[in-house]
Protein backbone atom coordinates (compact mmCIF):
# COMPACT_ATOMS: atom_id res chain seq x y z
CA MET A 1 0.09 0.10 -0.18
CA SER A 2 0.98 3.62 -0.72
CA LYS A 3 2.28 5.70 2.09
CA ARG A 4 -0.97 7.88 1.71
CA THR A 5 -3.17 5.05 2.27
CA ASP A 6 -1.43 3.93 5.28
CA THR A 7 -2.01 7.70 6.67
CA ILE A 8 -5.44 7.59 6.13
CA LYS A 9 -5.76 4.07 7.64
CA SER A 10 -3.79 5.25 10.86
CA LEU A 11 -6.31 8.12 11.05
CA PHE A 12 -9.21 5.34 11.91
CA THR A 13 -7.22 2.48 13.67
CA ALA A 14 -6.97 3.42 17.57
CA PRO A 15 -2.83 2.36 18.30
CA GLN A 16 -2.06 0.26 21.21
CA SER A 17 -1.57 2.46 24.29
CA SER A 18 1.30 2.42 26.14
CA ALA A 19 1.70 1.69 29.82
CA LEU A 20 0.90 4.90 31.86
CA SER A 21 3.29 5.72 35.12
CA ALA A 22 1.50 7.16 37.76
CA ASP A 23 3.09 10.44 36.81
CA ASN A 24 1.47 10.53 33.43
CA MET A 25 -1.78 9.09 34.37
CA PRO A 26 -4.66 11.60 33.19
CA ALA A 27 -6.48 12.97 36.33
CA ALA A 28 -10.21 11.49 37.13
CA LEU A 29 -13.07 13.90 36.31
CA PRO A 30 -14.37 15.33 39.43
CA ARG A 31 -17.52 13.43 40.49
CA VAL A 32 -20.67 15.62 40.65
CA SER A 33 -23.01 14.99 43.31
CA SER A 34 -26.72 14.00 42.58
CA GLY A 35 -27.54 17.21 44.43
CA SER A 36 -25.70 19.47 42.31
CA VAL A 37 -27.44 17.95 39.19
CA ARG A 38 -30.81 18.09 40.51
CA SER A 39 -30.16 21.87 41.45
CA LEU A 40 -28.90 22.24 37.95
CA LYS A 41 -31.87 20.66 36.51
CA ASP A 42 -34.19 22.80 38.69
CA SER A 43 -32.53 25.94 37.49
CA PHE A 44 -33.13 25.05 33.97
CA SER A 45 -36.74 24.08 34.77
CA GLU A 46 -37.04 27.70 35.98
CA VAL A 47 -35.29 29.43 33.11
CA GLU A 48 -37.60 27.24 30.84
CA LYS A 49 -40.66 28.47 33.12
CA GLU A 50 -39.80 32.04 32.76
CA ASN A 51 -39.07 31.91 28.95
CA GLU A 52 -42.62 30.63 28.60
CA GLU A 53 -44.04 33.16 30.72
CA LEU A 54 -42.04 35.65 28.61
CA ARG A 55 -43.44 33.95 25.38
CA GLU A 56 -47.13 34.10 26.48
CA ARG A 57 -46.62 37.70 27.52
CA ILE A 58 -45.17 38.56 24.03
CA ALA A 59 -47.99 36.64 22.42
CA SER A 60 -50.69 38.66 24.64
CA GLY A 61 -49.18 41.84 23.73
CA ALA A 62 -47.41 42.38 27.24
CA VAL A 63 -43.82 43.56 27.47
CA ILE A 64 -41.91 44.14 30.77
CA LEU A 65 -40.22 47.05 31.31
CA GLU A 66 -38.01 49.15 33.98
CA ILE A 67 -39.67 52.62 33.93
CA ASP A 68 -39.60 56.00 36.15
CA PRO A 69 -42.41 55.70 38.71
CA SER A 70 -43.00 59.51 38.41
CA LEU A 71 -44.27 58.38 34.75
CA VAL A 72 -46.90 56.21 36.17
CA ASP A 73 -50.38 57.62 37.00
CA PRO A 74 -52.80 55.72 39.33
CA SER A 75 -55.88 54.17 38.06
CA PRO A 76 -58.61 56.62 37.79
CA LEU A 77 -60.74 54.37 40.00
CA ALA A 78 -59.33 54.30 43.60
CA ASP A 79 -59.63 50.76 45.21
CA ARG A 80 -58.01 51.30 48.48
CA PHE A 81 -57.77 54.09 51.08
CA ARG A 82 -54.20 55.59 52.04
CA ASP A 83 -54.45 55.42 55.98
CA GLN A 84 -52.40 57.44 58.50
CA ASP A 85 -51.08 54.63 60.04
CA ASP A 86 -49.95 52.56 57.08
CA SER A 87 -47.36 50.26 58.47
CA SER A 88 -47.88 47.67 55.90
CA PHE A 89 -46.75 50.22 53.28
CA GLU A 90 -43.31 50.56 55.29
CA ALA A 91 -43.00 46.91 55.28
CA LEU A 92 -43.41 46.84 51.47
CA LYS A 93 -40.98 49.63 51.15
CA GLN A 94 -38.27 47.93 53.28
CA SER A 95 -38.81 44.82 51.45
CA ILE A 96 -38.09 46.19 47.84
CA SER A 97 -34.99 48.04 49.20
CA GLN A 98 -33.58 44.81 50.63
CA ARG A 99 -34.53 42.30 47.92
CA GLY A 100 -35.83 44.27 45.30
CA GLN A 101 -39.25 44.50 43.30
CA GLU A 102 -40.33 40.67 43.16
CA VAL A 103 -43.52 41.25 41.43
CA PRO A 104 -43.86 43.65 38.57
CA ILE A 105 -47.10 46.21 38.32
CA LEU A 106 -49.51 46.15 35.52
CA VAL A 107 -49.60 49.30 33.28
CA ARG A 108 -51.04 50.55 29.94
CA GLU A 109 -50.20 53.47 27.91
CA HIS A 110 -51.78 56.54 29.16
CA PRO A 111 -54.83 56.98 27.17
CA GLU A 112 -54.69 60.93 27.52
CA ALA A 113 -50.92 61.95 28.16
CA LYS A 114 -48.37 60.55 25.50
CA GLY A 115 -45.22 59.17 27.21
CA ARG A 116 -46.76 58.29 30.52
CA TYR A 117 -48.47 55.45 32.02
CA GLN A 118 -51.60 54.45 33.93
CA SER A 119 -51.41 51.58 36.53
CA ALA A 120 -53.98 48.77 36.84
CA TYR A 121 -52.32 47.36 40.10
CA GLY A 122 -49.61 47.89 42.04
CA HIS A 123 -50.07 51.55 43.22
CA ARG A 124 -48.10 50.98 46.51
CA ARG A 125 -45.27 49.69 44.63
CA VAL A 126 -45.16 52.57 42.45
CA ARG A 127 -45.22 54.88 45.43
CA ALA A 128 -42.40 52.80 47.39
CA THR A 129 -40.25 52.87 44.24
CA ARG A 130 -40.74 56.53 43.98
CA GLU A 131 -39.96 57.19 47.34
CA LEU A 132 -36.81 54.73 47.00
CA GLY A 133 -35.71 56.81 44.14
CA ILE A 134 -35.63 53.57 41.81
CA SER A 135 -37.14 52.24 38.77
CA VAL A 136 -40.21 50.33 38.91
CA LYS A 137 -40.72 47.00 37.05
CA ALA A 138 -44.07 46.87 34.82
CA ILE A 139 -45.64 44.72 32.47
CA LEU A 140 -47.00 47.01 29.71
CA ARG A 141 -50.29 45.75 28.10
CA PRO A 142 -52.93 47.23 25.87
CA LEU A 143 -56.05 47.38 28.30
CA SER A 144 -59.37 48.90 27.49
CA ASP A 145 -60.96 51.07 30.04
CA GLU A 146 -63.34 47.92 31.42
CA ALA A 147 -60.29 45.64 31.33
CA LEU A 148 -58.17 48.02 33.56
CA VAL A 149 -61.18 47.92 36.00
CA VAL A 150 -61.40 44.06 35.68
CA ALA A 151 -57.84 43.50 36.25
CA GLN A 152 -57.48 45.96 39.03
CA GLY A 153 -60.34 44.22 40.93
CA LEU A 154 -59.04 40.80 40.42
CA GLU A 155 -55.65 41.25 41.56
CA ASN A 156 -56.98 43.01 44.88
CA ALA A 157 -59.79 40.26 45.49
CA PRO A 158 -57.80 37.68 47.00
CA ARG A 159 -56.22 40.14 49.56
CA GLU A 160 -57.42 39.95 53.19
CA ASP A 161 -56.39 43.44 53.51
CA LEU A 162 -58.90 44.94 51.56
CA SER A 163 -61.81 46.04 53.88
CA PHE A 164 -65.55 45.75 53.22
CA ILE A 165 -65.70 49.69 52.97
CA GLU A 166 -62.72 49.80 50.41
CA ARG A 167 -64.66 47.18 48.32
CA ALA A 168 -67.97 49.07 48.42
CA SER A 169 -66.25 52.39 47.46
CA PHE A 170 -64.43 50.77 44.78
CA ALA A 171 -67.64 49.19 43.50
CA MET A 172 -69.45 52.58 43.48
CA HIS A 173 -66.24 54.23 41.49
CA ILE A 174 -66.89 51.52 39.08
CA GLU A 175 -70.58 52.08 38.59
CA ASP A 176 -69.98 55.99 38.73
CA ALA A 177 -67.36 55.54 35.76
CA GLY A 178 -70.23 54.39 33.50
CA HIS A 179 -69.35 50.67 33.64
CA SER A 180 -72.08 48.08 34.09
CA ARG A 181 -73.30 46.10 37.18
CA SER A 182 -71.60 42.83 35.56
CA VAL A 183 -68.34 44.64 35.40
CA VAL A 184 -68.60 45.39 39.06
CA GLN A 185 -69.56 41.72 39.67
CA ASP A 186 -66.32 40.64 37.53
CA ALA A 187 -63.81 43.12 39.10
CA LEU A 188 -65.03 42.00 42.73
CA SER A 189 -65.37 38.44 42.17
CA VAL A 190 -69.08 38.72 43.72
CA ASP A 191 -72.49 37.70 42.47
CA ARG A 192 -75.31 40.27 42.16
CA ALA A 193 -76.81 40.34 45.45
CA GLU A 194 -73.47 40.96 46.99
CA ALA A 195 -72.74 43.89 44.47
CA SER A 196 -76.07 45.37 45.63
CA LYS A 197 -75.07 45.48 49.12
CA LEU A 198 -71.64 46.84 48.52
CA LEU A 199 -73.22 49.47 46.43
CA ALA A 200 -76.21 50.18 48.58
CA VAL A 201 -73.60 50.94 51.62
CA ALA A 202 -71.27 53.03 49.83
CA ARG A 203 -74.13 55.11 48.63
CA SER A 204 -75.63 55.69 51.58
CA VAL A 205 -72.65 56.77 53.69
CA PRO A 206 -71.32 60.11 52.43
CA ALA A 207 -67.99 60.18 51.00
CA GLU A 208 -66.67 62.53 53.66
CA VAL A 209 -67.59 60.23 56.61
CA ILE A 210 -66.18 57.26 54.74
CA GLN A 211 -62.82 59.06 54.14
CA ALA A 212 -62.77 60.57 58.01
CA ILE A 213 -63.30 56.68 59.26
CA GLY A 214 -60.86 55.35 56.76
CA LYS A 215 -60.66 51.46 55.81
CA ALA A 216 -61.56 49.87 59.26
CA PRO A 217 -60.38 46.68 58.32
CA LYS A 218 -62.05 44.84 61.33
CA VAL A 219 -65.59 46.30 60.47
CA GLY A 220 -67.63 43.74 58.23
CA ARG A 221 -70.65 44.40 56.12
CA GLY A 222 -73.18 44.00 59.11
CA ARG A 223 -72.12 46.92 61.16
CA TRP A 224 -71.65 48.99 58.04
CA GLN A 225 -74.88 48.28 56.85
CA SER A 226 -76.52 49.26 60.38
CA PHE A 227 -74.36 52.47 60.10
CA ALA A 228 -75.93 53.36 57.21
CA GLU A 229 -79.52 52.62 58.39
CA LEU A 230 -79.07 54.68 61.43
CA ILE A 231 -77.54 57.82 59.55
CA LYS A 232 -80.54 57.91 57.17
CA ASP A 233 -81.99 59.72 60.16
CA SER A 234 -80.80 63.43 59.56
CA ALA A 235 -80.28 63.96 63.33
CA ALA A 236 -78.13 61.02 63.56
CA LEU A 237 -76.18 62.13 60.55
CA LYS A 238 -75.53 65.54 61.83
CA ARG A 239 -74.19 63.97 65.01
CA VAL A 240 -71.62 62.05 63.08
CA ARG A 241 -70.41 64.80 61.23
CA ALA A 242 -70.01 66.85 64.53
CA ALA A 243 -68.10 64.00 65.81
CA ILE A 244 -65.67 63.42 62.92
CA ALA A 245 -64.98 67.31 62.99
CA GLU A 246 -63.46 67.11 66.75
CA PRO A 247 -59.77 67.09 66.47
CA LYS A 248 -59.42 63.90 68.61
CA PHE A 249 -61.24 61.84 66.14
CA ALA A 250 -58.43 61.91 63.67
CA GLU A 251 -56.18 60.83 66.31
CA ARG A 252 -57.77 57.44 66.79
CA GLU A 253 -57.12 54.22 65.01
CA THR A 254 -59.31 53.74 62.06
CA ASP A 255 -61.53 51.00 63.74
CA ALA A 256 -61.92 53.25 66.66
CA ARG A 257 -62.68 56.09 64.45
CA PHE A 258 -65.65 54.01 63.25
CA LEU A 259 -66.91 52.66 66.74
CA ALA A 260 -66.83 56.41 67.46
CA ALA A 261 -68.84 57.52 64.73
CA PHE A 262 -71.34 54.55 65.21
CA SER A 263 -71.84 55.70 68.98
CA ALA A 264 -72.56 59.04 67.74
CA ALA A 265 -75.20 57.95 65.28
CA THR A 266 -76.76 56.12 68.14
CA ARG A 267 -76.64 58.51 71.31
CA PRO A 268 -78.15 61.64 71.10
CA SER A 269 -75.59 64.88 72.20
CA ARG A 270 -75.93 66.38 75.42
CA GLY A 271 -77.58 69.45 74.04
CA GLU A 272 -80.24 67.55 71.70
CA PRO A 273 -83.75 67.08 73.67
CA ARG A 274 -84.38 63.43 73.99
CA LYS A 275 -87.70 62.31 72.10
CA GLU A 276 -90.04 60.91 74.34
CA PRO A 277 -91.84 57.90 73.48
CA ASP A 278 -95.50 57.33 72.70
CA GLU A 279 -97.59 55.42 74.87
CA LYS A 280 -101.07 54.52 74.57
CA PRO A 281 -103.58 51.61 75.33
CA VAL A 282 -105.20 49.44 72.76
CA PHE A 283 -108.79 48.58 73.00
CA SER A 284 -111.01 45.58 71.57
CA VAL A 285 -113.89 46.23 69.45
CA SER A 286 -116.12 46.11 72.38
CA GLY A 287 -114.03 48.36 74.44
CA ASP A 288 -112.19 46.24 76.66
CA LYS A 289 -108.54 47.06 77.21
CA ILE A 290 -106.21 44.45 75.68
CA ALA A 291 -102.76 45.60 75.60
CA HIS A 292 -100.45 48.52 76.10
CA VAL A 293 -98.03 49.88 73.41
CA ARG A 294 -94.95 52.06 74.16
CA GLN A 295 -93.00 53.30 70.93
CA ALA A 296 -89.59 54.80 70.76
CA GLU A 297 -88.00 56.05 67.74
CA ARG A 298 -86.80 52.31 66.49
CA GLU A 299 -88.46 50.36 69.28
CA LEU A 300 -92.04 49.34 69.88
CA LYS A 301 -93.08 47.37 73.16
CA LEU A 302 -96.30 45.65 73.37
CA THR A 303 -97.59 44.54 76.72
CA ILE A 304 -100.49 42.40 77.08
CA ASP A 305 -103.07 43.41 79.57
CA LYS A 306 -103.05 41.10 82.70
CA ASN A 307 -106.96 40.54 82.28
CA VAL A 308 -106.24 38.97 78.73
CA SER A 309 -105.43 35.19 78.32
CA THR A 310 -101.71 34.03 77.88
CA THR A 311 -102.56 32.11 74.89
CA PHE A 312 -103.66 35.53 73.14
CA ALA A 313 -99.91 36.40 73.00
CA ALA A 314 -99.04 33.31 71.23
CA PHE A 315 -102.10 33.40 69.02
CA LEU A 316 -100.74 37.20 68.25
CA VAL A 317 -97.01 35.67 67.26
CA ASP A 318 -98.58 32.98 64.90
CA GLN A 319 -100.52 35.70 63.27
CA LEU A 320 -97.37 38.06 62.48
CA PRO A 321 -96.49 36.82 59.17
CA ALA A 322 -100.05 37.19 57.52
CA LEU A 323 -100.31 40.70 59.10
CA PHE A 324 -96.93 41.36 57.85
CA ASP A 325 -98.04 40.09 54.39
CA ALA A 326 -101.07 41.93 54.56
CA PHE A 327 -99.33 45.04 55.27
CA SER A 328 -97.06 44.59 52.75
CA LYS A 329 -99.48 43.84 50.03
CA LYS A 330 -101.42 47.28 51.06
CA SER A 331 -98.14 49.27 50.92
CA SER A 332 -97.38 48.03 47.57
CA GLY A 333 -100.72 49.09 46.34
CA GLN A 334 -100.38 52.52 47.76
CA GLU A 335 -96.92 53.18 45.92
CA SER A 336 -98.51 51.74 42.77
CA THR A 337 -101.41 54.35 43.31
CA GLU A 338 -99.08 57.26 44.02
CA ALA A 339 -96.96 56.55 41.05
């Protein structure tokens, strides 16, 4: 064979290896622990997950930016109150300062101011980064007015720190902005009945009273409904307004402010004359006295006469549902006639 053929053959034929001494033995490859392999695998999984999320954002028209927080305006519909004792905000600010902003906010391009943005949620993160003098991480997405409101509500719906009155006020802001009741339901993840209750309270309590009390996180729907019912009386509302105007009122914690306002609504002030209850006897058709009625502003007491059989009281209680039904039908008929 030619020299050229031998050369080509030698390229594909492994030569016999000569014995190696301890000095020229190749170093063994370092052994990698299973934990390190698993950690590396998890890292690749996280990267792939982030890439998938990024692909989804790009597909939906969303882009992640780092922008100057001074260019971000809040949503036109406020969903939470800014309380004087905002310790949770300080904790958020400290967290961002130490670990950075872990969750981006959601913004759209401002519909009226070119070069600015409008946030759907993340208002406190914007405020925190502004005070820290750093950029805010934001997802930029094209959003209609309705989509902005729904995104804002859905982000806050699972939060336990959004109080009843904050939710009620947000519902009212949504409806006042011209959105339908169904948008209120979608934004707050509630059914129509609950949306109606939220709106009823928000529209019954004057805005300045709500702002003076604050978010009152420990006060639920029941007490707000009772308070709204109480201040339908003009004298009670006047007492509440006088109470919130006192300098010491603002010094109280928000739940204590609600209790002070509620107390003012239920108790007449010292200078206000107390209305005496109406008292009158009740007679049967034949002229016999059968009961005595004592009626105050929100209370009626009926005392059966001692000469009447005790079974009459039980009979009266049994008849109450039918009496109320008859009263309701009569009242409805009168309202229809007046309309």
